Amino acid sequence: MQVDVDSAQVICHLDALLVDRGMTLTELSHAVGITLANLSSLKNNRARAVRYSTLIALCQALDCQPGDLFSVVPPPI
């Protein structure tokens, strides 16, 4: 089965995780060593890619799993 990745969308749930943890984007930036600009891009679903090391750092800082941070919205049929 071939998947049309161009029309699927990955949604980042960073806002909800930050609220749940009582953490600001600035605090997360300091905790993981990622710029506010890059985290903002991720948070606003503008990022085109995420490094594996970044994903691990985010999950460790937020005490979550990758599936808590991202979900895939399939393309409309």
PDB file of N, CA and C in Angstrom:
ATOM      1  N   MET A   1       0.843  -1.181   0.000  1.00  0.00           N
ATOM      2  CA  MET A   1       0.000   0.000   0.000  1.00  0.00           C
ATOM      3  C   MET A   1       0.883   1.237   0.000  1.00  0.00           C
ATOM      4  N   GLN A   2       0.632   2.132  -0.899  1.00  0.00           N
ATOM      5  CA  GLN A   2       1.407   3.363  -0.980  1.00  0.00           C
ATOM      6  C   GLN A   2       0.691   4.473  -0.223  1.00  0.00           C
ATOM      7  N   VAL A   3       1.453   5.221   0.549  1.00  0.00           N
ATOM      8  CA  VAL A   3       0.899   6.309   1.354  1.00  0.00           C
ATOM      9  C   VAL A   3       1.258   7.623   0.697  1.00  0.00           C
ATOM     10  N   ASP A   4       0.277   8.504   0.582  1.00  0.00           N
ATOM     11  CA  ASP A   4       0.498   9.829   0.011  1.00  0.00           C
ATOM     12  C   ASP A   4       0.946  10.772   1.120  1.00  0.00           C
ATOM     13  N   VAL A   5       2.268  10.835   1.345  1.00  0.00           N
ATOM     14  CA  VAL A   5       2.789  11.641   2.452  1.00  0.00           C
ATOM     15  C   VAL A   5       2.656  13.134   2.208  1.00  0.00           C
ATOM     16  N   ASP A   6       2.485  13.552   0.969  1.00  0.00           N
ATOM     17  CA  ASP A   6       2.366  14.979   0.689  1.00  0.00           C
ATOM     18  C   ASP A   6       1.046  15.562   1.177  1.00  0.00           C
ATOM     19  N   SER A   7       0.003  14.752   1.247  1.00  0.00           N
ATOM     20  CA  SER A   7      -1.283  15.289   1.668  1.00  0.00           C
ATOM     21  C   SER A   7      -1.613  14.937   3.120  1.00  0.00           C
ATOM     22  N   ALA A   8      -0.825  14.078   3.747  1.00  0.00           N
ATOM     23  CA  ALA A   8      -1.000  13.801   5.175  1.00  0.00           C
ATOM     24  C   ALA A   8      -0.366  14.938   5.961  1.00  0.00           C
ATOM     25  N   GLN A   9      -0.793  15.111   7.185  1.00  0.00           N
ATOM     26  CA  GLN A   9      -0.286  16.211   7.986  1.00  0.00           C
ATOM     27  C   GLN A   9       0.127  15.697   9.361  1.00  0.00           C
ATOM     28  N   VAL A  10       1.295  16.122   9.824  1.00  0.00           N
ATOM     29  CA  VAL A  10       1.754  15.798  11.178  1.00  0.00           C
ATOM     30  C   VAL A  10       1.447  17.005  12.059  1.00  0.00           C
ATOM     31  N   ILE A  11       0.751  16.754  13.134  1.00  0.00           N
ATOM     32  CA  ILE A  11       0.352  17.816  14.055  1.00  0.00           C
ATOM     33  C   ILE A  11       1.177  17.685  15.333  1.00  0.00           C
ATOM     34  N   CYS A  12       1.725  18.794  15.775  1.00  0.00           N
ATOM     35  CA  CYS A  12       2.515  18.841  17.008  1.00  0.00           C
ATOM     36  C   CYS A  12       1.630  19.305  18.166  1.00  0.00           C
ATOM     37  N   HIS A  13       1.694  18.587  19.267  1.00  0.00           N
ATOM     38  CA  HIS A  13       0.877  18.886  20.450  1.00  0.00           C
ATOM     39  C   HIS A  13       1.703  19.535  21.556  1.00  0.00           C
ATOM     40  N   LEU A  14       2.693  20.302  21.158  1.00  0.00           N
ATOM     41  CA  LEU A  14       3.601  20.926  22.115  1.00  0.00           C
ATOM     42  C   LEU A  14       2.870  21.883  23.057  1.00  0.00           C
ATOM     43  N   ASP A  15       1.930  22.658  22.555  1.00  0.00           N
ATOM     44  CA  ASP A  15       1.182  23.596  23.400  1.00  0.00           C
ATOM     45  C   ASP A  15       0.496  22.878  24.554  1.00  0.00           C
ATOM     46  N   ALA A  16      -0.215  21.813  24.245  1.00  0.00           N
ATOM     47  CA  ALA A  16      -0.956  21.080  25.271  1.00  0.00           C
ATOM     48  C   ALA A  16      -0.008  20.456  26.295  1.00  0.00           C
ATOM     49  N   LEU A  17       1.104  19.913  25.823  1.00  0.00           N
ATOM     50  CA  LEU A  17       2.071  19.316  26.740  1.00  0.00           C
ATOM     51  C   LEU A  17       2.688  20.362  27.661  1.00  0.00           C
ATOM     52  N   LEU A  18       2.973  21.539  27.121  1.00  0.00           N
ATOM     53  CA  LEU A  18       3.532  22.614  27.953  1.00  0.00           C
ATOM     54  C   LEU A  18       2.539  23.038  29.028  1.00  0.00           C
ATOM     55  N   VAL A  19       1.276  23.178  28.652  1.00  0.00           N
ATOM     56  CA  VAL A  19       0.246  23.557  29.623  1.00  0.00           C
ATOM     57  C   VAL A  19       0.124  22.486  30.697  1.00  0.00           C
ATOM     58  N   ASP A  20       0.076  21.224  30.284  1.00  0.00           N
ATOM     59  CA  ASP A  20      -0.040  20.119  31.238  1.00  0.00           C
ATOM     60  C   ASP A  20       1.116  20.089  32.224  1.00  0.00           C
ATOM     61  N   ARG A  21       2.304  20.497  31.773  1.00  0.00           N
ATOM     62  CA  ARG A  21       3.489  20.443  32.632  1.00  0.00           C
ATOM     63  C   ARG A  21       3.768  21.771  33.332  1.00  0.00           C
ATOM     64  N   GLY A  22       2.957  22.792  33.054  1.00  0.00           N
ATOM     65  CA  GLY A  22       3.174  24.098  33.661  1.00  0.00           C
ATOM     66  C   GLY A  22       4.495  24.709  33.240  1.00  0.00           C
ATOM     67  N   MET A  23       4.854  24.517  31.982  1.00  0.00           N
ATOM     68  CA  MET A  23       6.151  24.943  31.461  1.00  0.00           C
ATOM     69  C   MET A  23       5.945  25.932  30.311  1.00  0.00           C
ATOM     70  N   THR A  24       6.847  26.880  30.198  1.00  0.00           N
ATOM     71  CA  THR A  24       6.798  27.816  29.078  1.00  0.00           C
ATOM     72  C   THR A  24       7.711  27.325  27.959  1.00  0.00           C
ATOM     73  N   LEU A  25       7.510  27.890  26.789  1.00  0.00           N
ATOM     74  CA  LEU A  25       8.358  27.552  25.650  1.00  0.00           C
ATOM     75  C   LEU A  25       9.804  27.960  25.929  1.00  0.00           C
ATOM     76  N   THR A  26       9.992  29.071  26.616  1.00  0.00           N
ATOM     77  CA  THR A  26      11.331  29.535  26.978  1.00  0.00           C
ATOM     78  C   THR A  26      12.009  28.544  27.923  1.00  0.00           C
ATOM     79  N   GLU A  27      11.273  28.058  28.911  1.00  0.00           N
ATOM     80  CA  GLU A  27      11.831  27.066  29.833  1.00  0.00           C
ATOM     81  C   GLU A  27      12.210  25.785  29.093  1.00  0.00           C
ATOM     82  N   LEU A  28      11.363  25.356  28.181  1.00  0.00           N
ATOM     83  CA  LEU A  28      11.666  24.164  27.397  1.00  0.00           C
ATOM     84  C   LEU A  28      12.891  24.385  26.528  1.00  0.00           C
ATOM     85  N   SER A  29      12.987  25.572  25.949  1.00  0.00           N
ATOM     86  CA  SER A  29      14.144  25.913  25.118  1.00  0.00           C
ATOM     87  C   SER A  29      15.443  25.771  25.908  1.00  0.00           C
ATOM     88  N   HIS A  30      15.443  26.287  27.124  1.00  0.00           N
ATOM     89  CA  HIS A  30      16.636  26.176  27.971  1.00  0.00           C
ATOM     90  C   HIS A  30      16.901  24.728  28.382  1.00  0.00           C
ATOM     91  N   ALA A  31      15.848  23.976  28.639  1.00  0.00           N
ATOM     92  CA  ALA A  31      16.001  22.598  29.100  1.00  0.00           C
ATOM     93  C   ALA A  31      16.581  21.678  28.029  1.00  0.00           C
ATOM     94  N   VAL A  32      16.235  21.952  26.765  1.00  0.00           N
ATOM     95  CA  VAL A  32      16.669  21.041  25.699  1.00  0.00           C
ATOM     96  C   VAL A  32      17.752  21.632  24.804  1.00  0.00           C
ATOM     97  N   GLY A  33      18.048  22.911  24.965  1.00  0.00           N
ATOM     98  CA  GLY A  33      19.091  23.530  24.156  1.00  0.00           C
ATOM     99  C   GLY A  33      18.682  23.753  22.712  1.00  0.00           C
ATOM    100  N   ILE A  34      17.432  24.057  22.502  1.00  0.00           N
ATOM    101  CA  ILE A  34      16.901  24.339  21.167  1.00  0.00           C
ATOM    102  C   ILE A  34      16.409  25.780  21.167  1.00  0.00           C
ATOM    103  N   THR A  35      16.661  26.496  20.086  1.00  0.00           N
ATOM    104  CA  THR A  35      16.270  27.903  20.042  1.00  0.00           C
ATOM    105  C   THR A  35      14.759  28.061  20.108  1.00  0.00           C
ATOM    106  N   LEU A  36      14.342  29.211  20.621  1.00  0.00           N
ATOM    107  CA  LEU A  36      12.919  29.531  20.649  1.00  0.00           C
ATOM    108  C   LEU A  36      12.327  29.534  19.248  1.00  0.00           C
ATOM    109  N   ALA A  37      13.085  30.017  18.278  1.00  0.00           N
ATOM    110  CA  ALA A  37      12.596  30.057  16.898  1.00  0.00           C
ATOM    111  C   ALA A  37      12.296  28.653  16.375  1.00  0.00           C
ATOM    112  N   ASN A  38      13.195  27.705  16.652  1.00  0.00           N
ATOM    113  CA  ASN A  38      12.972  26.337  16.189  1.00  0.00           C
ATOM    114  C   ASN A  38      11.810  25.676  16.923  1.00  0.00           C
ATOM    115  N   LEU A  39      11.700  25.909  18.224  1.00  0.00           N
ATOM    116  CA  LEU A  39      10.571  25.357  18.968  1.00  0.00           C
ATOM    117  C   LEU A  39       9.259  25.980  18.526  1.00  0.00           C
ATOM    118  N   SER A  40       9.277  27.261  18.238  1.00  0.00           N
ATOM    119  CA  SER A  40       8.075  27.932  17.764  1.00  0.00           C
ATOM    120  C   SER A  40       7.631  27.379  16.416  1.00  0.00           C
ATOM    121  N   SER A  41       8.586  27.132  15.558  1.00  0.00           N
ATOM    122  CA  SER A  41       8.283  26.539  14.253  1.00  0.00           C
ATOM    123  C   SER A  41       7.649  25.161  14.431  1.00  0.00           C
ATOM    124  N   LEU A  42       8.179  24.394  15.344  1.00  0.00           N
ATOM    125  CA  LEU A  42       7.641  23.066  15.627  1.00  0.00           C
ATOM    126  C   LEU A  42       6.236  23.180  16.213  1.00  0.00           C
ATOM    127  N   LYS A  43       6.077  24.050  17.189  1.00  0.00           N
ATOM    128  CA  LYS A  43       4.800  24.245  17.889  1.00  0.00           C
ATOM    129  C   LYS A  43       3.695  24.690  16.940  1.00  0.00           C
ATOM    130  N   ASN A  44       4.059  25.499  15.949  1.00  0.00           N
ATOM    131  CA  ASN A  44       3.077  26.029  15.006  1.00  0.00           C
ATOM    132  C   ASN A  44       2.943  25.197  13.732  1.00  0.00           C
ATOM    133  N   ASN A  45       3.470  23.969  13.787  1.00  0.00           N
ATOM    134  CA  ASN A  45       3.347  23.016  12.677  1.00  0.00           C
ATOM    135  C   ASN A  45       3.964  23.518  11.379  1.00  0.00           C
ATOM    136  N   ARG A  46       5.035  24.275  11.490  1.00  0.00           N
ATOM    137  CA  ARG A  46       5.739  24.758  10.303  1.00  0.00           C
ATOM    138  C   ARG A  46       7.037  23.994  10.045  1.00  0.00           C
ATOM    139  N   ALA A  47       7.452  23.184  11.006  1.00  0.00           N
ATOM    140  CA  ALA A  47       8.699  22.424  10.844  1.00  0.00           C
ATOM    141  C   ALA A  47       8.507  21.348   9.787  1.00  0.00           C
ATOM    142  N   ARG A  48       9.522  21.148   8.974  1.00  0.00           N
ATOM    143  CA  ARG A  48       9.467  20.135   7.923  1.00  0.00           C
ATOM    144  C   ARG A  48      10.148  18.842   8.353  1.00  0.00           C
ATOM    145  N   ALA A  49      10.943  18.909   9.413  1.00  0.00           N
ATOM    146  CA  ALA A  49      11.664  17.735   9.897  1.00  0.00           C
ATOM    147  C   ALA A  49      12.056  17.958  11.348  1.00  0.00           C
ATOM    148  N   VAL A  50      12.274  16.850  12.050  1.00  0.00           N
ATOM    149  CA  VAL A  50      12.722  16.903  13.436  1.00  0.00           C
ATOM    150  C   VAL A  50      13.863  15.903  13.581  1.00  0.00           C
ATOM    151  N   ARG A  51      14.975  16.362  14.087  1.00  0.00           N
ATOM    152  CA  ARG A  51      16.100  15.453  14.323  1.00  0.00           C
ATOM    153  C   ARG A  51      15.738  14.463  15.418  1.00  0.00           C
ATOM    154  N   TYR A  52      16.277  13.276  15.281  1.00  0.00           N
ATOM    155  CA  TYR A  52      16.051  12.232  16.273  1.00  0.00           C
ATOM    156  C   TYR A  52      16.529  12.706  17.647  1.00  0.00           C
ATOM    157  N   SER A  53      17.667  13.349  17.696  1.00  0.00           N
ATOM    158  CA  SER A  53      18.203  13.828  18.977  1.00  0.00           C
ATOM    159  C   SER A  53      17.297  14.899  19.592  1.00  0.00           C
ATOM    160  N   THR A  54      16.685  15.714  18.750  1.00  0.00           N
ATOM    161  CA  THR A  54      15.741  16.725  19.232  1.00  0.00           C
ATOM    162  C   THR A  54      14.498  16.062  19.790  1.00  0.00           C
ATOM    163  N   LEU A  55      14.004  15.057  19.104  1.00  0.00           N
ATOM    164  CA  LEU A  55      12.830  14.335  19.560  1.00  0.00           C
ATOM    165  C   LEU A  55      13.078  13.690  20.920  1.00  0.00           C
ATOM    166  N   ILE A  56      14.229  13.073  21.085  1.00  0.00           N
ATOM    167  CA  ILE A  56      14.576  12.453  22.365  1.00  0.00           C
ATOM    168  C   ILE A  56      14.668  13.502  23.466  1.00  0.00           C
ATOM    169  N   ALA A  57      15.324  14.624  23.172  1.00  0.00           N
ATOM    170  CA  ALA A  57      15.465  15.692  24.174  1.00  0.00           C
ATOM    171  C   ALA A  57      14.107  16.247  24.594  1.00  0.00           C
ATOM    172  N   LEU A  58      13.222  16.440  23.635  1.00  0.00           N
ATOM    173  CA  LEU A  58      11.883  16.950  23.942  1.00  0.00           C
ATOM    174  C   LEU A  58      11.111  15.950  24.799  1.00  0.00           C
ATOM    175  N   CYS A  59      11.167  14.687  24.427  1.00  0.00           N
ATOM    176  CA  CYS A  59      10.447  13.662  25.189  1.00  0.00           C
ATOM    177  C   CYS A  59      10.985  13.538  26.606  1.00  0.00           C
ATOM    178  N   GLN A  60      12.300  13.654  26.776  1.00  0.00           N
ATOM    179  CA  GLN A  60      12.870  13.580  28.116  1.00  0.00           C
ATOM    180  C   GLN A  60      12.470  14.793  28.953  1.00  0.00           C
ATOM    181  N   ALA A  61      12.530  15.982  28.358  1.00  0.00           N
ATOM    182  CA  ALA A  61      12.195  17.201  29.100  1.00  0.00           C
ATOM    183  C   ALA A  61      10.714  17.266  29.450  1.00  0.00           C
ATOM    184  N   LEU A  62       9.869  16.712  28.573  1.00  0.00           N
ATOM    185  CA  LEU A  62       8.424  16.770  28.793  1.00  0.00           C
ATOM    186  C   LEU A  62       7.867  15.489  29.418  1.00  0.00           C
ATOM    187  N   ASP A  63       8.751  14.518  29.672  1.00  0.00           N
ATOM    188  CA  ASP A  63       8.347  13.233  30.224  1.00  0.00           C
ATOM    189  C   ASP A  63       7.178  12.653  29.424  1.00  0.00           C
ATOM    190  N   CYS A  64       7.419  12.479  28.125  1.00  0.00           N
ATOM    191  CA  CYS A  64       6.382  11.972  27.241  1.00  0.00           C
ATOM    192  C   CYS A  64       6.976  11.019  26.209  1.00  0.00           C
ATOM    193  N   GLN A  65       6.141  10.470  25.394  1.00  0.00           N
ATOM    194  CA  GLN A  65       6.534   9.604  24.293  1.00  0.00           C
ATOM    195  C   GLN A  65       6.323  10.364  22.980  1.00  0.00           C
ATOM    196  N   PRO A  66       7.008   9.968  21.905  1.00  0.00           N
ATOM    197  CA  PRO A  66       6.830  10.658  20.620  1.00  0.00           C
ATOM    198  C   PRO A  66       5.369  10.748  20.180  1.00  0.00           C
ATOM    199  N   GLY A  67       4.595   9.721  20.472  1.00  0.00           N
ATOM    200  CA  GLY A  67       3.181   9.737  20.101  1.00  0.00           C
ATOM    201  C   GLY A  67       2.364  10.751  20.880  1.00  0.00           C
ATOM    202  N   ASP A  68       2.881  11.183  22.038  1.00  0.00           N
ATOM    203  CA  ASP A  68       2.218  12.242  22.807  1.00  0.00           C
ATOM    204  C   ASP A  68       2.501  13.603  22.171  1.00  0.00           C
ATOM    205  N   LEU A  69       3.633  13.699  21.528  1.00  0.00           N
ATOM    206  CA  LEU A  69       4.088  14.963  20.954  1.00  0.00           C
ATOM    207  C   LEU A  69       3.539  15.197  19.548  1.00  0.00           C
ATOM    208  N   PHE A  70       3.385  14.116  18.792  1.00  0.00           N
ATOM    209  CA  PHE A  70       2.949  14.230  17.391  1.00  0.00           C
ATOM    210  C   PHE A  70       1.833  13.253  17.086  1.00  0.00           C
ATOM    211  N   SER A  71       0.978  13.648  16.156  1.00  0.00           N
ATOM    212  CA  SER A  71       0.010  12.717  15.580  1.00  0.00           C
ATOM    213  C   SER A  71      -0.070  12.994  14.086  1.00  0.00           C
ATOM    214  N   VAL A  72      -0.462  11.977  13.338  1.00  0.00           N
ATOM    215  CA  VAL A  72      -0.577  12.092  11.892  1.00  0.00           C
ATOM    216  C   VAL A  72      -2.050  12.145  11.537  1.00  0.00           C
ATOM    217  N   VAL A  73      -2.407  13.181  10.790  1.00  0.00           N
ATOM    218  CA  VAL A  73      -3.772  13.319  10.298  1.00  0.00           C
ATOM    219  C   VAL A  73      -3.766  12.827   8.861  1.00  0.00           C
ATOM    220  N   PRO A  74      -4.506  11.756   8.582  1.00  0.00           N
ATOM    221  CA  PRO A  74      -4.477  11.231   7.213  1.00  0.00           C
ATOM    222  C   PRO A  74      -5.120  12.198   6.236  1.00  0.00           C
ATOM    223  N   PRO A  75      -4.757  12.060   4.964  1.00  0.00           N
ATOM    224  CA  PRO A  75      -5.350  12.933   3.956  1.00  0.00           C
ATOM    225  C   PRO A  75      -6.840  12.646   3.808  1.00  0.00           C
ATOM    226  N   PRO A  76      -7.608  13.634   3.406  1.00  0.00           N
ATOM    227  CA  PRO A  76      -9.035  13.390   3.184  1.00  0.00           C
ATOM    228  C   PRO A  76      -9.229  12.406   2.027  1.00  0.00           C
ATOM    229  N   ILE A  77     -10.266  11.631   2.155  1.00  0.00           N
ATOM    230  CA  ILE A  77     -10.535  10.636   1.104  1.00  0.00           C
ATOM    231  C   ILE A  77     -11.383  11.237   0.004  1.00  0.00           C
TER     232      ILE A  77
END
